[in-house]
Full PDB file with SEQRES, HELIX, SHEET, SSBOND, CRYST1, ORIGX, SCALE, CONECT and MASTER records, all heavy atoms in Angstrom:
SEQRES   1 A   35  VAL SER ASN LEU ARG ARG TYR PHE GLY THR GLY GLN LEU          
SEQRES   2 A   35  ARG GLU ALA ALA PRO PHE THR GLY SER ARG PHE GLU HIS          
SEQRES   3 A   35  LEU ALA GLY GLY GLY GLY ARG GLN ALA                          
HELIX    1 AA1 SER A    2  PHE A    8  1                                   7    
HELIX    2 AA2 THR A   20  ARG A   23  5                                   4    
HELIX    3 AA3 LEU A   27  GLY A   29  5                                   3    
CRYST1    1.000    1.000    1.000  90.00  90.00  90.00 P 1           1          
ORIGX1      1.000000  0.000000  0.000000        0.00000                         
ORIGX2      0.000000  1.000000  0.000000        0.00000                         
ORIGX3      0.000000  0.000000  1.000000        0.00000                         
SCALE1      1.000000  0.000000  0.000000        0.00000                         
SCALE2      0.000000  1.000000  0.000000        0.00000                         
SCALE3      0.000000  0.000000  1.000000        0.00000                         
ATOM      1  N   VAL A   1       0.837  -1.198   0.000  1.00  0.00           N  
ATOM      2  CA  VAL A   1       0.000   0.000   0.000  1.00  0.00           C  
ATOM      3  C   VAL A   1       0.873   1.249   0.000  1.00  0.00           C  
ATOM      4  O   VAL A   1       0.642   2.189  -0.765  1.00  0.00           O  
ATOM      5  CB  VAL A   1      -0.965  -0.009   1.211  1.00  0.00           C  
ATOM      6  CG1 VAL A   1      -1.683   1.324   1.347  1.00  0.00           C  
ATOM      7  CG2 VAL A   1      -1.965  -1.152   1.077  1.00  0.00           C  
ATOM      8  N   SER A   2       1.891   1.257   0.826  1.00  0.00           N  
ATOM      9  CA  SER A   2       2.818   2.386   0.880  1.00  0.00           C  
ATOM     10  C   SER A   2       3.512   2.590  -0.464  1.00  0.00           C  
ATOM     11  O   SER A   2       3.641   3.721  -0.951  1.00  0.00           O  
ATOM     12  CB  SER A   2       3.848   2.139   1.983  1.00  0.00           C  
ATOM     13  OG  SER A   2       4.838   3.124   1.960  1.00  0.00           O  
ATOM     14  N   ASN A   3       3.955   1.509  -1.074  1.00  0.00           N  
ATOM     15  CA  ASN A   3       4.633   1.598  -2.377  1.00  0.00           C  
ATOM     16  C   ASN A   3       3.704   2.141  -3.455  1.00  0.00           C  
ATOM     17  O   ASN A   3       4.110   2.956  -4.283  1.00  0.00           O  
ATOM     18  CB  ASN A   3       5.182   0.240  -2.789  1.00  0.00           C  
ATOM     19  CG  ASN A   3       6.384  -0.174  -1.971  1.00  0.00           C  
ATOM     20  OD1 ASN A   3       7.010   0.627  -1.296  1.00  0.00           O  
ATOM     21  ND2 ASN A   3       6.705  -1.461  -2.026  1.00  0.00           N  
ATOM     22  N   LEU A   4       2.469   1.693  -3.459  1.00  0.00           N  
ATOM     23  CA  LEU A   4       1.511   2.179  -4.457  1.00  0.00           C  
ATOM     24  C   LEU A   4       1.206   3.659  -4.258  1.00  0.00           C  
ATOM     25  O   LEU A   4       1.116   4.412  -5.232  1.00  0.00           O  
ATOM     26  CB  LEU A   4       0.222   1.360  -4.407  1.00  0.00           C  
ATOM     27  CG  LEU A   4       0.303  -0.012  -5.048  1.00  0.00           C  
ATOM     28  CD1 LEU A   4      -0.941  -0.833  -4.727  1.00  0.00           C  
ATOM     29  CD2 LEU A   4       0.485   0.102  -6.551  1.00  0.00           C  
ATOM     30  N   ARG A   5       1.042   4.073  -3.015  1.00  0.00           N  
ATOM     31  CA  ARG A   5       0.792   5.498  -2.752  1.00  0.00           C  
ATOM     32  C   ARG A   5       1.966   6.341  -3.235  1.00  0.00           C  
ATOM     33  O   ARG A   5       1.781   7.401  -3.830  1.00  0.00           O  
ATOM     34  CB  ARG A   5       0.540   5.719  -1.270  1.00  0.00           C  
ATOM     35  CG  ARG A   5      -0.827   5.261  -0.856  1.00  0.00           C  
ATOM     36  CD  ARG A   5      -1.127   5.635   0.573  1.00  0.00           C  
ATOM     37  NE  ARG A   5      -2.511   5.281   0.863  1.00  0.00           N  
ATOM     38  CZ  ARG A   5      -2.918   4.843   2.024  1.00  0.00           C  
ATOM     39  NH1 ARG A   5      -2.075   4.734   3.043  1.00  0.00           N  
ATOM     40  NH2 ARG A   5      -4.185   4.539   2.211  1.00  0.00           N  
ATOM     41  N   ARG A   6       3.159   5.868  -2.984  1.00  0.00           N  
ATOM     42  CA  ARG A   6       4.352   6.593  -3.440  1.00  0.00           C  
ATOM     43  C   ARG A   6       4.407   6.615  -4.972  1.00  0.00           C  
ATOM     44  O   ARG A   6       4.682   7.646  -5.577  1.00  0.00           O  
ATOM     45  CB  ARG A   6       5.601   5.919  -2.874  1.00  0.00           C  
ATOM     46  CG  ARG A   6       6.868   6.646  -3.211  1.00  0.00           C  
ATOM     47  CD  ARG A   6       8.057   6.064  -2.428  1.00  0.00           C  
ATOM     48  NE  ARG A   6       9.266   6.474  -3.077  1.00  0.00           N  
ATOM     49  CZ  ARG A   6      10.167   5.659  -3.580  1.00  0.00           C  
ATOM     50  NH1 ARG A   6      10.017   4.363  -3.485  1.00  0.00           N  
ATOM     51  NH2 ARG A   6      11.239   6.123  -4.174  1.00  0.00           N  
ATOM     52  N   TYR A   7       4.131   5.478  -5.612  1.00  0.00           N  
ATOM     53  CA  TYR A   7       4.197   5.376  -7.070  1.00  0.00           C  
ATOM     54  C   TYR A   7       3.220   6.340  -7.739  1.00  0.00           C  
ATOM     55  O   TYR A   7       3.549   7.029  -8.690  1.00  0.00           O  
ATOM     56  CB  TYR A   7       3.902   3.930  -7.498  1.00  0.00           C  
ATOM     57  CG  TYR A   7       4.084   3.688  -8.975  1.00  0.00           C  
ATOM     58  CD1 TYR A   7       5.355   3.478  -9.502  1.00  0.00           C  
ATOM     59  CD2 TYR A   7       3.007   3.660  -9.839  1.00  0.00           C  
ATOM     60  CE1 TYR A   7       5.537   3.256 -10.856  1.00  0.00           C  
ATOM     61  CE2 TYR A   7       3.171   3.440 -11.187  1.00  0.00           C  
ATOM     62  CZ  TYR A   7       4.446   3.237 -11.686  1.00  0.00           C  
ATOM     63  OH  TYR A   7       4.616   3.025 -13.025  1.00  0.00           O  
ATOM     64  N   PHE A   8       1.980   6.372  -7.210  1.00  0.00           N  
ATOM     65  CA  PHE A   8       0.957   7.221  -7.809  1.00  0.00           C  
ATOM     66  C   PHE A   8       0.910   8.626  -7.218  1.00  0.00           C  
ATOM     67  O   PHE A   8       0.143   9.469  -7.661  1.00  0.00           O  
ATOM     68  CB  PHE A   8      -0.417   6.552  -7.711  1.00  0.00           C  
ATOM     69  CG  PHE A   8      -0.552   5.386  -8.644  1.00  0.00           C  
ATOM     70  CD1 PHE A   8      -0.426   4.088  -8.180  1.00  0.00           C  
ATOM     71  CD2 PHE A   8      -0.767   5.580  -9.994  1.00  0.00           C  
ATOM     72  CE1 PHE A   8      -0.541   3.011  -9.041  1.00  0.00           C  
ATOM     73  CE2 PHE A   8      -0.883   4.516 -10.867  1.00  0.00           C  
ATOM     74  CZ  PHE A   8      -0.763   3.229 -10.394  1.00  0.00           C  
ATOM     75  N   GLY A   9       1.729   8.906  -6.204  1.00  0.00           N  
ATOM     76  CA  GLY A   9       1.806  10.238  -5.630  1.00  0.00           C  
ATOM     77  C   GLY A   9       0.592  10.613  -4.796  1.00  0.00           C  
ATOM     78  O   GLY A   9       0.244  11.787  -4.708  1.00  0.00           O  
ATOM     79  N   THR A  10      -0.053   9.644  -4.177  1.00  0.00           N  
ATOM     80  CA  THR A  10      -1.231   9.933  -3.360  1.00  0.00           C  
ATOM     81  C   THR A  10      -0.906   9.753  -1.883  1.00  0.00           C  
ATOM     82  O   THR A  10      -0.090   8.925  -1.505  1.00  0.00           O  
ATOM     83  CB  THR A  10      -2.411   9.013  -3.719  1.00  0.00           C  
ATOM     84  OG1 THR A  10      -2.025   7.658  -3.491  1.00  0.00           O  
ATOM     85  CG2 THR A  10      -2.822   9.183  -5.166  1.00  0.00           C  
ATOM     86  N   GLY A  11      -1.570  10.551  -1.055  1.00  0.00           N  
ATOM     87  CA  GLY A  11      -1.404  10.428   0.384  1.00  0.00           C  
ATOM     88  C   GLY A  11      -0.024  10.793   0.878  1.00  0.00           C  
ATOM     89  O   GLY A  11       0.378  10.361   1.953  1.00  0.00           O  
ATOM     90  N   GLN A  12       0.716  11.588   0.109  1.00  0.00           N  
ATOM     91  CA  GLN A  12       2.053  12.003   0.509  1.00  0.00           C  
ATOM     92  C   GLN A  12       1.955  13.216   1.428  1.00  0.00           C  
ATOM     93  O   GLN A  12       1.078  14.057   1.260  1.00  0.00           O  
ATOM     94  CB  GLN A  12       2.896  12.366  -0.718  1.00  0.00           C  
ATOM     95  CG  GLN A  12       3.035  11.247  -1.723  1.00  0.00           C  
ATOM     96  CD  GLN A  12       3.888  10.113  -1.207  1.00  0.00           C  
ATOM     97  OE1 GLN A  12       4.864  10.334  -0.508  1.00  0.00           O  
ATOM     98  NE2 GLN A  12       3.506   8.904  -1.522  1.00  0.00           N  
ATOM     99  N   LEU A  13       2.854  13.307   2.399  1.00  0.00           N  
ATOM    100  CA  LEU A  13       2.878  14.463   3.282  1.00  0.00           C  
ATOM    101  C   LEU A  13       3.239  15.723   2.506  1.00  0.00           C  
ATOM    102  O   LEU A  13       2.698  16.782   2.728  1.00  0.00           O  
ATOM    103  CB  LEU A  13       3.871  14.246   4.428  1.00  0.00           C  
ATOM    104  CG  LEU A  13       3.504  13.134   5.401  1.00  0.00           C  
ATOM    105  CD1 LEU A  13       4.604  12.956   6.444  1.00  0.00           C  
ATOM    106  CD2 LEU A  13       2.179  13.450   6.078  1.00  0.00           C  
ATOM    107  N   ARG A  14       4.174  15.613   1.606  1.00  0.00           N  
ATOM    108  CA  ARG A  14       4.557  16.728   0.745  1.00  0.00           C  
ATOM    109  C   ARG A  14       3.960  16.484  -0.623  1.00  0.00           C  
ATOM    110  O   ARG A  14       3.512  15.393  -0.943  1.00  0.00           O  
ATOM    111  CB  ARG A  14       6.075  16.799   0.630  1.00  0.00           C  
ATOM    112  CG  ARG A  14       6.735  17.091   1.938  1.00  0.00           C  
ATOM    113  CD  ARG A  14       8.228  17.237   1.728  1.00  0.00           C  
ATOM    114  NE  ARG A  14       8.880  17.016   2.990  1.00  0.00           N  
ATOM    115  CZ  ARG A  14      10.001  16.358   3.149  1.00  0.00           C  
ATOM    116  NH1 ARG A  14      10.616  15.854   2.122  1.00  0.00           N  
ATOM    117  NH2 ARG A  14      10.515  16.200   4.340  1.00  0.00           N  
ATOM    118  N   GLU A  15       3.990  17.480  -1.432  1.00  0.00           N  
ATOM    119  CA  GLU A  15       3.498  17.342  -2.799  1.00  0.00           C  
ATOM    120  C   GLU A  15       4.531  16.601  -3.637  1.00  0.00           C  
ATOM    121  O   GLU A  15       5.231  17.180  -4.458  1.00  0.00           O  
ATOM    122  CB  GLU A  15       3.199  18.726  -3.406  1.00  0.00           C  
ATOM    123  CG  GLU A  15       2.002  19.409  -2.793  1.00  0.00           C  
ATOM    124  CD  GLU A  15       0.711  18.623  -3.028  1.00  0.00           C  
ATOM    125  OE1 GLU A  15       0.519  18.094  -4.127  1.00  0.00           O  
ATOM    126  OE2 GLU A  15      -0.083  18.544  -2.082  1.00  0.00           O  
ATOM    127  N   ALA A  16       4.627  15.316  -3.422  1.00  0.00           N  
ATOM    128  CA  ALA A  16       5.598  14.500  -4.150  1.00  0.00           C  
ATOM    129  C   ALA A  16       5.045  14.179  -5.540  1.00  0.00           C  
ATOM    130  O   ALA A  16       3.868  13.867  -5.694  1.00  0.00           O  
ATOM    131  CB  ALA A  16       5.870  13.208  -3.390  1.00  0.00           C  
ATOM    132  N   ALA A  17       5.907  14.264  -6.506  1.00  0.00           N  
ATOM    133  CA  ALA A  17       5.500  13.923  -7.865  1.00  0.00           C  
ATOM    134  C   ALA A  17       5.412  12.407  -7.987  1.00  0.00           C  
ATOM    135  O   ALA A  17       6.290  11.688  -7.514  1.00  0.00           O  
ATOM    136  CB  ALA A  17       6.510  14.470  -8.867  1.00  0.00           C  
ATOM    137  N   PRO A  18       4.362  11.916  -8.625  1.00  0.00           N  
ATOM    138  CA  PRO A  18       4.269  10.468  -8.822  1.00  0.00           C  
ATOM    139  C   PRO A  18       5.316  10.009  -9.835  1.00  0.00           C  
ATOM    140  O   PRO A  18       5.860  10.808 -10.592  1.00  0.00           O  
ATOM    141  CB  PRO A  18       2.863  10.284  -9.376  1.00  0.00           C  
ATOM    142  CG  PRO A  18       2.506  11.597  -9.980  1.00  0.00           C  
ATOM    143  CD  PRO A  18       3.250  12.638  -9.201  1.00  0.00           C  
ATOM    144  N   PHE A  19       5.587   8.722  -9.844  1.00  0.00           N  
ATOM    145  CA  PHE A  19       6.477   8.167 -10.856  1.00  0.00           C  
ATOM    146  C   PHE A  19       5.811   8.331 -12.218  1.00  0.00           C  
ATOM    147  O   PHE A  19       4.590   8.236 -12.342  1.00  0.00           O  
ATOM    148  CB  PHE A  19       6.747   6.689 -10.580  1.00  0.00           C  
ATOM    149  CG  PHE A  19       7.706   6.462  -9.446  1.00  0.00           C  
ATOM    150  CD1 PHE A  19       7.259   6.468  -8.130  1.00  0.00           C  
ATOM    151  CD2 PHE A  19       9.055   6.248  -9.687  1.00  0.00           C  
ATOM    152  CE1 PHE A  19       8.139   6.264  -7.079  1.00  0.00           C  
ATOM    153  CE2 PHE A  19       9.937   6.048  -8.645  1.00  0.00           C  
ATOM    154  CZ  PHE A  19       9.484   6.052  -7.340  1.00  0.00           C  
ATOM    155  N   THR A  20       6.606   8.553 -13.244  1.00  0.00           N  
ATOM    156  CA  THR A  20       6.026   8.787 -14.571  1.00  0.00           C  
ATOM    157  C   THR A  20       5.233   7.587 -15.071  1.00  0.00           C  
ATOM    158  O   THR A  20       4.260   7.746 -15.791  1.00  0.00           O  
ATOM    159  CB  THR A  20       7.114   9.150 -15.601  1.00  0.00           C  
ATOM    160  OG1 THR A  20       8.080   8.098 -15.662  1.00  0.00           O  
ATOM    161  CG2 THR A  20       7.776  10.465 -15.253  1.00  0.00           C  
ATOM    162  N   GLY A  21       5.625   6.393 -14.683  1.00  0.00           N  
ATOM    163  CA  GLY A  21       4.903   5.194 -15.115  1.00  0.00           C  
ATOM    164  C   GLY A  21       3.464   5.151 -14.645  1.00  0.00           C  
ATOM    165  O   GLY A  21       2.636   4.439 -15.214  1.00  0.00           O  
ATOM    166  N   SER A  22       3.145   5.939 -13.636  1.00  0.00           N  
ATOM    167  CA  SER A  22       1.769   5.964 -13.150  1.00  0.00           C  
ATOM    168  C   SER A  22       0.818   6.566 -14.184  1.00  0.00           C  
ATOM    169  O   SER A  22      -0.392   6.419 -14.084  1.00  0.00           O  
ATOM    170  CB  SER A  22       1.671   6.752 -11.838  1.00  0.00           C  
ATOM    171  OG  SER A  22       1.923   8.126 -12.047  1.00  0.00           O  
ATOM    172  N   ARG A  23       1.346   7.231 -15.201  1.00  0.00           N  
ATOM    173  CA  ARG A  23       0.533   7.831 -16.262  1.00  0.00           C  
ATOM    174  C   ARG A  23       0.420   6.937 -17.494  1.00  0.00           C  
ATOM    175  O   ARG A  23      -0.315   7.256 -18.421  1.00  0.00           O  
ATOM    176  CB  ARG A  23       1.145   9.176 -16.667  1.00  0.00           C  
ATOM    177  CG  ARG A  23       1.145  10.204 -15.558  1.00  0.00           C  
ATOM    178  CD  ARG A  23      -0.241  10.743 -15.240  1.00  0.00           C  
ATOM    179  NE  ARG A  23      -0.774  11.358 -16.437  1.00  0.00           N  
ATOM    180  CZ  ARG A  23      -2.027  11.188 -16.849  1.00  0.00           C  
ATOM    181  NH1 ARG A  23      -2.869  10.469 -16.183  1.00  0.00           N  
ATOM    182  NH2 ARG A  23      -2.427  11.775 -17.964  1.00  0.00           N  
ATOM    183  N   PHE A  24       1.152   5.839 -17.514  1.00  0.00           N  
ATOM    184  CA  PHE A  24       1.203   4.976 -18.700  1.00  0.00           C  
ATOM    185  C   PHE A  24      -0.171   4.643 -19.259  1.00  0.00           C  
ATOM    186  O   PHE A  24      -0.455   4.848 -20.430  1.00  0.00           O  
ATOM    187  CB  PHE A  24       1.960   3.680 -18.363  1.00  0.00           C  
ATOM    188  CG  PHE A  24       1.812   2.606 -19.407  1.00  0.00           C  
ATOM    189  CD1 PHE A  24       2.501   2.685 -20.595  1.00  0.00           C  
ATOM    190  CD2 PHE A  24       0.978   1.523 -19.196  1.00  0.00           C  
ATOM    191  CE1 PHE A  24       2.375   1.714 -21.575  1.00  0.00           C  
ATOM    192  CE2 PHE A  24       0.836   0.544 -20.161  1.00  0.00           C  
ATOM    193  CZ  PHE A  24       1.542   0.639 -21.352  1.00  0.00           C  
ATOM    194  N   GLU A  25      -1.022   4.139 -18.434  1.00  0.00           N  
ATOM    195  CA  GLU A  25      -2.317   3.623 -18.881  1.00  0.00           C  
ATOM    196  C   GLU A  25      -3.314   4.706 -19.272  1.00  0.00           C  
ATOM    197  O   GLU A  25      -4.213   4.472 -20.066  1.00  0.00           O  
ATOM    198  CB  GLU A  25      -2.908   2.773 -17.754  1.00  0.00           C  
ATOM    199  CG  GLU A  25      -4.037   1.897 -18.170  1.00  0.00           C  
ATOM    200  CD  GLU A  25      -4.467   0.981 -17.042  1.00  0.00           C  
ATOM    201  OE1 GLU A  25      -3.840   0.958 -15.967  1.00  0.00           O  
ATOM    202  OE2 GLU A  25      -5.462   0.289 -17.245  1.00  0.00           O  
ATOM    203  N   HIS A  26      -3.156   5.903 -18.739  1.00  0.00           N  
ATOM    204  CA  HIS A  26      -4.168   6.938 -18.936  1.00  0.00           C  
ATOM    205  C   HIS A  26      -3.690   8.138 -19.741  1.00  0.00           C  
ATOM    206  O   HIS A  26      -4.456   9.075 -19.944  1.00  0.00           O  
ATOM    207  CB  HIS A  26      -4.690   7.405 -17.576  1.00  0.00           C  
ATOM    208  CG  HIS A  26      -5.255   6.280 -16.770  1.00  0.00           C  
ATOM    209  ND1 HIS A  26      -6.448   5.674 -17.074  1.00  0.00           N  
ATOM    210  CD2 HIS A  26      -4.765   5.621 -15.701  1.00  0.00           C  
ATOM    211  CE1 HIS A  26      -6.676   4.698 -16.215  1.00  0.00           C  
ATOM    212  NE2 HIS A  26      -5.662   4.644 -15.367  1.00  0.00           N  
ATOM    213  N   LEU A  27      -2.453   8.104 -20.192  1.00  0.00           N  
ATOM    214  CA  LEU A  27      -1.913   9.220 -20.952  1.00  0.00           C  
ATOM    215  C   LEU A  27      -2.794   9.505 -22.167  1.00  0.00           C  
ATOM    216  O   LEU A  27      -3.174   8.582 -22.894  1.00  0.00           O  
ATOM    217  CB  LEU A  27      -0.481   8.916 -21.403  1.00  0.00           C  
ATOM    218  CG  LEU A  27       0.228  10.054 -22.122  1.00  0.00           C  
ATOM    219  CD1 LEU A  27       0.592  11.159 -21.134  1.00  0.00           C  
ATOM    220  CD2 LEU A  27       1.474   9.553 -22.807  1.00  0.00           C  
ATOM    221  N   ALA A  28      -3.137  10.750 -22.369  1.00  0.00           N  
ATOM    222  CA  ALA A  28      -3.945  11.197 -23.516  1.00  0.00           C  
ATOM    223  C   ALA A  28      -5.277  10.454 -23.614  1.00  0.00           C  
ATOM    224  O   ALA A  28      -5.783  10.221 -24.699  1.00  0.00           O  
ATOM    225  CB  ALA A  28      -3.155  11.060 -24.816  1.00  0.00           C  
ATOM    226  N   GLY A  29      -5.811  10.055 -22.479  1.00  0.00           N  
ATOM    227  CA  GLY A  29      -7.116   9.382 -22.478  1.00  0.00           C  
ATOM    228  C   GLY A  29      -7.035   7.874 -22.565  1.00  0.00           C  
ATOM    229  O   GLY A  29      -8.051   7.191 -22.537  1.00  0.00           O  
ATOM    230  N   GLY A  30      -5.854   7.316 -22.691  1.00  0.00           N  
ATOM    231  CA  GLY A  30      -5.686   5.865 -22.749  1.00  0.00           C  
ATOM    232  C   GLY A  30      -5.854   5.315 -24.157  1.00  0.00           C  
ATOM    233  O   GLY A  30      -6.450   5.938 -25.025  1.00  0.00           O  
ATOM    234  N   GLY A  31      -5.310   4.142 -24.359  1.00  0.00           N  
ATOM    235  CA  GLY A  31      -5.336   3.535 -25.687  1.00  0.00           C  
ATOM    236  C   GLY A  31      -6.558   2.696 -25.977  1.00  0.00           C  
ATOM    237  O   GLY A  31      -6.693   2.150 -27.068  1.00  0.00           O  
ATOM    238  N   GLY A  32      -7.471   2.584 -25.023  1.00  0.00           N  
ATOM    239  CA  GLY A  32      -8.659   1.769 -25.235  1.00  0.00           C  
ATOM    240  C   GLY A  32      -9.815   2.497 -25.901  1.00  0.00           C  
ATOM    241  O   GLY A  32     -10.866   1.923 -26.125  1.00  0.00           O  
ATOM    242  N   ARG A  33      -9.609   3.763 -26.227  1.00  0.00           N  
ATOM    243  CA  ARG A  33     -10.679   4.519 -26.884  1.00  0.00           C  
ATOM    244  C   ARG A  33     -10.923   3.980 -28.285  1.00  0.00           C  
ATOM    245  O   ARG A  33     -10.001   3.586 -28.991  1.00  0.00           O  
ATOM    246  CB  ARG A  33     -10.308   6.007 -26.938  1.00  0.00           C  
ATOM    247  CG  ARG A  33     -10.112   6.622 -25.566  1.00  0.00           C  
ATOM    248  CD  ARG A  33      -9.736   8.112 -25.618  1.00  0.00           C  
ATOM    249  NE  ARG A  33      -8.915   8.540 -26.733  1.00  0.00           N  
ATOM    250  CZ  ARG A  33      -7.592   8.491 -26.761  1.00  0.00           C  
ATOM    251  NH1 ARG A  33      -6.913   7.997 -25.739  1.00  0.00           N  
ATOM    252  NH2 ARG A  33      -6.916   8.927 -27.803  1.00  0.00           N  
ATOM    253  N   GLN A  34     -12.164   3.974 -28.700  1.00  0.00           N  
ATOM    254  CA  GLN A  34     -12.556   3.434 -30.009  1.00  0.00           C  
ATOM    255  C   GLN A  34     -11.741   4.047 -31.149  1.00  0.00           C  
ATOM    256  O   GLN A  34     -11.327   3.344 -32.056  1.00  0.00           O  
ATOM    257  CB  GLN A  34     -14.053   3.676 -30.235  1.00  0.00           C  
ATOM    258  CG  GLN A  34     -14.597   3.030 -31.483  1.00  0.00           C  
ATOM    259  CD  GLN A  34     -14.632   1.508 -31.404  1.00  0.00           C  
ATOM    260  OE1 GLN A  34     -14.769   0.943 -30.331  1.00  0.00           O  
ATOM    261  NE2 GLN A  34     -14.495   0.861 -32.531  1.00  0.00           N  
ATOM    262  N   ALA A  35     -11.493   5.347 -31.082  1.00  0.00           N  
ATOM    263  CA  ALA A  35     -10.803   6.042 -32.172  1.00  0.00           C  
ATOM    264  C   ALA A  35      -9.362   5.576 -32.362  1.00  0.00           C  
ATOM    265  O   ALA A  35      -8.810   5.719 -33.452  1.00  0.00           O  
ATOM    266  CB  ALA A  35     -10.832   7.548 -31.935  1.00  0.00           C  
TER     267      ALA A  35                                                      
MASTER        0    0    0    3    0    0    0    6  266    1    0    3          
END                                                                             
């Protein structure tokens, strides 16, 4: 749980930036869009 929070940048005491890989699936709306 701690590792996931750190990876996605949630629940951090400071405004920590999430790891860039946390955007993989949702970048530009994600690759599952019909278009």
